C-alpha atoms as a PDB file:
ATOM      1  CA  MET A   1      37.836-107.292  19.831  1.00  0.00           C
ATOM      2  CA  SER A   2      38.762-106.911  23.499  1.00  0.00           C
ATOM      3  CA  ASN A   3      41.669-104.677  24.463  1.00  0.00           C
ATOM      4  CA  SER A   4      42.394-103.594  20.908  1.00  0.00           C
ATOM      5  CA  LEU A   5      42.311-100.231  19.258  1.00  0.00           C
ATOM      6  CA  ILE A   6      39.263 -98.597  17.755  1.00  0.00           C
ATOM      7  CA  THR A   7      38.783 -96.843  14.434  1.00  0.00           C
ATOM      8  CA  PRO A   8      37.542 -93.275  14.043  1.00  0.00           C
ATOM      9  CA  ALA A   9      34.324 -94.607  12.480  1.00  0.00           C
ATOM     10  CA  GLN A  10      33.761 -96.935  15.448  1.00  0.00           C
ATOM     11  CA  CYS A  11      34.222 -94.015  17.839  1.00  0.00           C
ATOM     12  CA  ARG A  12      31.669 -91.910  15.982  1.00  0.00           C
ATOM     13  CA  ALA A  13      29.234 -94.794  15.671  1.00  0.00           C
ATOM     14  CA  ALA A  14      29.545 -95.726  19.335  1.00  0.00           C
ATOM     15  CA  ARG A  15      28.799 -92.151  20.409  1.00  0.00           C
ATOM     16  CA  ALA A  16      25.774 -92.085  18.115  1.00  0.00           C
ATOM     17  CA  LEU A  17      24.430 -95.357  19.591  1.00  0.00           C
ATOM     18  CA  ILE A  18      24.486 -93.984  23.126  1.00  0.00           C
ATOM     19  CA  GLU A  19      23.665 -90.410  22.077  1.00  0.00           C
ATOM     20  CA  TRP A  20      26.853 -88.941  23.527  1.00  0.00           C
ATOM     21  CA  SER A  21      28.463 -85.712  22.366  1.00  0.00           C
ATOM     22  CA  ARG A  22      32.196 -85.478  21.923  1.00  0.00           C
ATOM     23  CA  GLU A  23      32.253 -83.323  25.040  1.00  0.00           C
ATOM     24  CA  ARG A  24      30.588 -86.040  27.092  1.00  0.00           C
ATOM     25  CA  LEU A  25      33.056 -88.644  25.826  1.00  0.00           C
ATOM     26  CA  ALA A  26      35.928 -86.299  26.648  1.00  0.00           C
ATOM     27  CA  GLY A  27      34.695 -86.005  30.223  1.00  0.00           C
ATOM     28  CA  ALA A  28      34.049 -89.714  30.668  1.00  0.00           C
ATOM     29  CA  SER A  29      37.361 -90.774  29.185  1.00  0.00           C
ATOM     30  CA  GLN A  30      39.542 -87.927  30.470  1.00  0.00           C
ATOM     31  CA  VAL A  31      40.732 -87.388  26.899  1.00  0.00           C
ATOM     32  CA  ALA A  32      41.054 -83.872  25.499  1.00  0.00           C
ATOM     33  CA  LEU A  33      38.154 -82.781  23.306  1.00  0.00           C
ATOM     34  CA  ARG A  34      40.575 -81.655  20.545  1.00  0.00           C
ATOM     35  CA  THR A  35      42.110 -85.134  20.492  1.00  0.00           C
ATOM     36  CA  ILE A  36      38.680 -86.728  20.012  1.00  0.00           C
ATOM     37  CA  VAL A  37      37.726 -84.278  17.264  1.00  0.00           C
ATOM     38  CA  ASP A  38      40.988 -84.845  15.409  1.00  0.00           C
ATOM     39  CA  PHE A  39      40.828 -88.622  15.873  1.00  0.00           C
ATOM     40  CA  GLU A  40      37.265 -88.905  14.577  1.00  0.00           C
ATOM     41  CA  ARG A  41      38.159 -86.762  11.560  1.00  0.00           C
ATOM     42  CA  GLY A  42      41.172 -88.996  10.838  1.00  0.00           C
ATOM     43  CA  ALA A  43      43.573 -86.091  11.347  1.00  0.00           C
ATOM     44  CA  ARG A  44      45.399 -87.679  14.265  1.00  0.00           C
ATOM     45  CA  SER A  45      46.227 -91.135  15.621  1.00  0.00           C
ATOM     46  CA  PRO A  46      46.173 -90.863  19.398  1.00  0.00           C
ATOM     47  CA  ARG A  47      48.500 -92.848  21.630  1.00  0.00           C
ATOM     48  CA  VAL A  48      47.409 -96.396  22.462  1.00  0.00           C
ATOM     49  CA  VAL A  49      46.629 -95.450  26.062  1.00  0.00           C
ATOM     50  CA  THR A  50      44.343 -92.672  24.822  1.00  0.00           C
ATOM     51  CA  MET A  51      42.468 -94.959  22.450  1.00  0.00           C
ATOM     52  CA  LEU A  52      42.057 -97.535  25.232  1.00  0.00           C
ATOM     53  CA  ALA A  53      40.610 -94.800  27.494  1.00  0.00           C
ATOM     54  CA  LEU A  54      38.073 -93.876  24.808  1.00  0.00           C
ATOM     55  CA  ARG A  55      37.173 -97.522  24.325  1.00  0.00           C
ATOM     56  CA  ALA A  56      36.809 -98.160  28.065  1.00  0.00           C
ATOM     57  CA  ALA A  57      34.489 -95.174  28.539  1.00  0.00           C
ATOM     58  CA  LEU A  58      32.261 -96.387  25.697  1.00  0.00           C
ATOM     59  CA  GLU A  59      32.293 -99.993  26.880  1.00  0.00           C
ATOM     60  CA  LYS A  60      31.071 -98.835  30.300  1.00  0.00           C
ATOM     61  CA  GLN A  61      27.938 -97.700  28.442  1.00  0.00           C
ATOM     62  CA  ASN A  62      27.435-101.229  27.016  1.00  0.00           C
ATOM     63  CA  VAL A  63      29.020-100.544  23.607  1.00  0.00           C
ATOM     64  CA  VAL A  64      30.502-103.690  22.076  1.00  0.00           C
ATOM     65  CA  PHE A  65      33.279-103.307  19.527  1.00  0.00           C
ATOM     66  CA  LEU A  66      33.338-105.755  16.607  1.00  0.00           C
ATOM     67  CA  ALA A  67      36.554-106.674  14.863  1.00  0.00           C
ATOM     68  CA  ASN A  68      36.945-106.842  11.097  1.00  0.00           C
ATOM     69  CA  GLY A  69      35.157-110.006   9.973  1.00  0.00           C
ATOM     70  CA  GLU A  70      33.547-110.651  13.387  1.00  0.00           C
ATOM     71  CA  ALA A  71      30.100-110.122  11.924  1.00  0.00           C
ATOM     72  CA  VAL A  72      29.086-111.924   8.712  1.00  0.00           C
ATOM     73  CA  ASN A  73      30.716-110.127   5.769  1.00  0.00           C
ATOM     74  CA  GLY A  74      31.347-107.065   7.895  1.00  0.00           C
ATOM     75  CA  GLY A  75      34.178-104.776   8.725  1.00  0.00           C
ATOM     76  CA  PRO A  76      34.891-103.264  12.118  1.00  0.00           C
ATOM     77  CA  GLY A  77      31.768-102.061  13.837  1.00  0.00           C
ATOM     78  CA  VAL A  78      29.873-101.454  17.070  1.00  0.00           C
ATOM     79  CA  ARG A  79      26.658-102.575  18.694  1.00  0.00           C
ATOM     80  CA  LEU A  80      24.939-102.252  22.044  1.00  0.00           C
ATOM     81  CA  HIS A  81      24.973-105.069  24.546  1.00  0.00           C
ATOM     82  CA  VAL A  82      21.495-105.269  25.992  1.00  0.00           C
ATOM     83  CA  ARG A  83      21.609-106.252  29.620  1.00  0.00           C
ATOM     84  CA  GLN A  84      18.833-108.386  30.937  1.00  0.00           C
ATOM     85  CA  PRO A  85      16.928-106.763  33.772  1.00  0.00           C
ATOM     86  CA  GLN A  86      17.836-108.174  37.120  1.00  0.00           C
ATOM     87  CA  GLU A  87      14.904-110.214  38.342  1.00  0.00           C
ATOM     88  CA  GLY A  88      15.909-110.489  41.994  1.00  0.00           C
ATOM     89  CA  LEU A  89      14.724-113.344  44.158  1.00  0.00           C
ATOM     90  CA  ARG A  90      11.605-115.298  43.400  1.00  0.00           C
ATOM     91  CA  PRO A  91       9.056-115.266  46.261  1.00  0.00           C
ATOM     92  CA  GLU A  92       9.621-118.930  47.009  1.00  0.00           C
ATOM     93  CA  ASP A  93      13.345-118.243  47.486  1.00  0.00           C
ATOM     94  CA  LEU A  94      12.843-115.538  50.135  1.00  0.00           C
ATOM     95  CA  ASN A  95      13.911-116.440  53.671  1.00  0.00           C
ATOM     96  CA  ALA A  96      15.637-114.981  56.725  1.00  0.00           C
ATOM     97  CA  ALA A  97      19.076-115.730  55.268  1.00  0.00           C
ATOM     98  CA  ASN A  98      18.634-113.130  52.503  1.00  0.00           C
ATOM     99  CA  ASP A  99      17.033-110.349  54.547  1.00  0.00           C
ATOM    100  CA  ASP A 100      19.960-107.893  54.235  1.00  0.00           C
END
């Protein structure tokens, strides 16, 4: 669902997954708190640029947005992308060339 809009339910669910308050999302996205409150309540449809800013801030926290039908028998949703820990170099690969 890359570069598309999000639903109010997805915004609420994404915040819950990463344990963010509306205030924290407002700060991270540079979107007014009142806009977020109204959007999540379904009282307002923000401009596209505003919704993309909300989405980008949440995606930076590893939230993945799912389109309608992207999951089996599911509607639009969210999930967390779990990043694999970086393992670094194996001991046998260490040498003077990678001493920086």
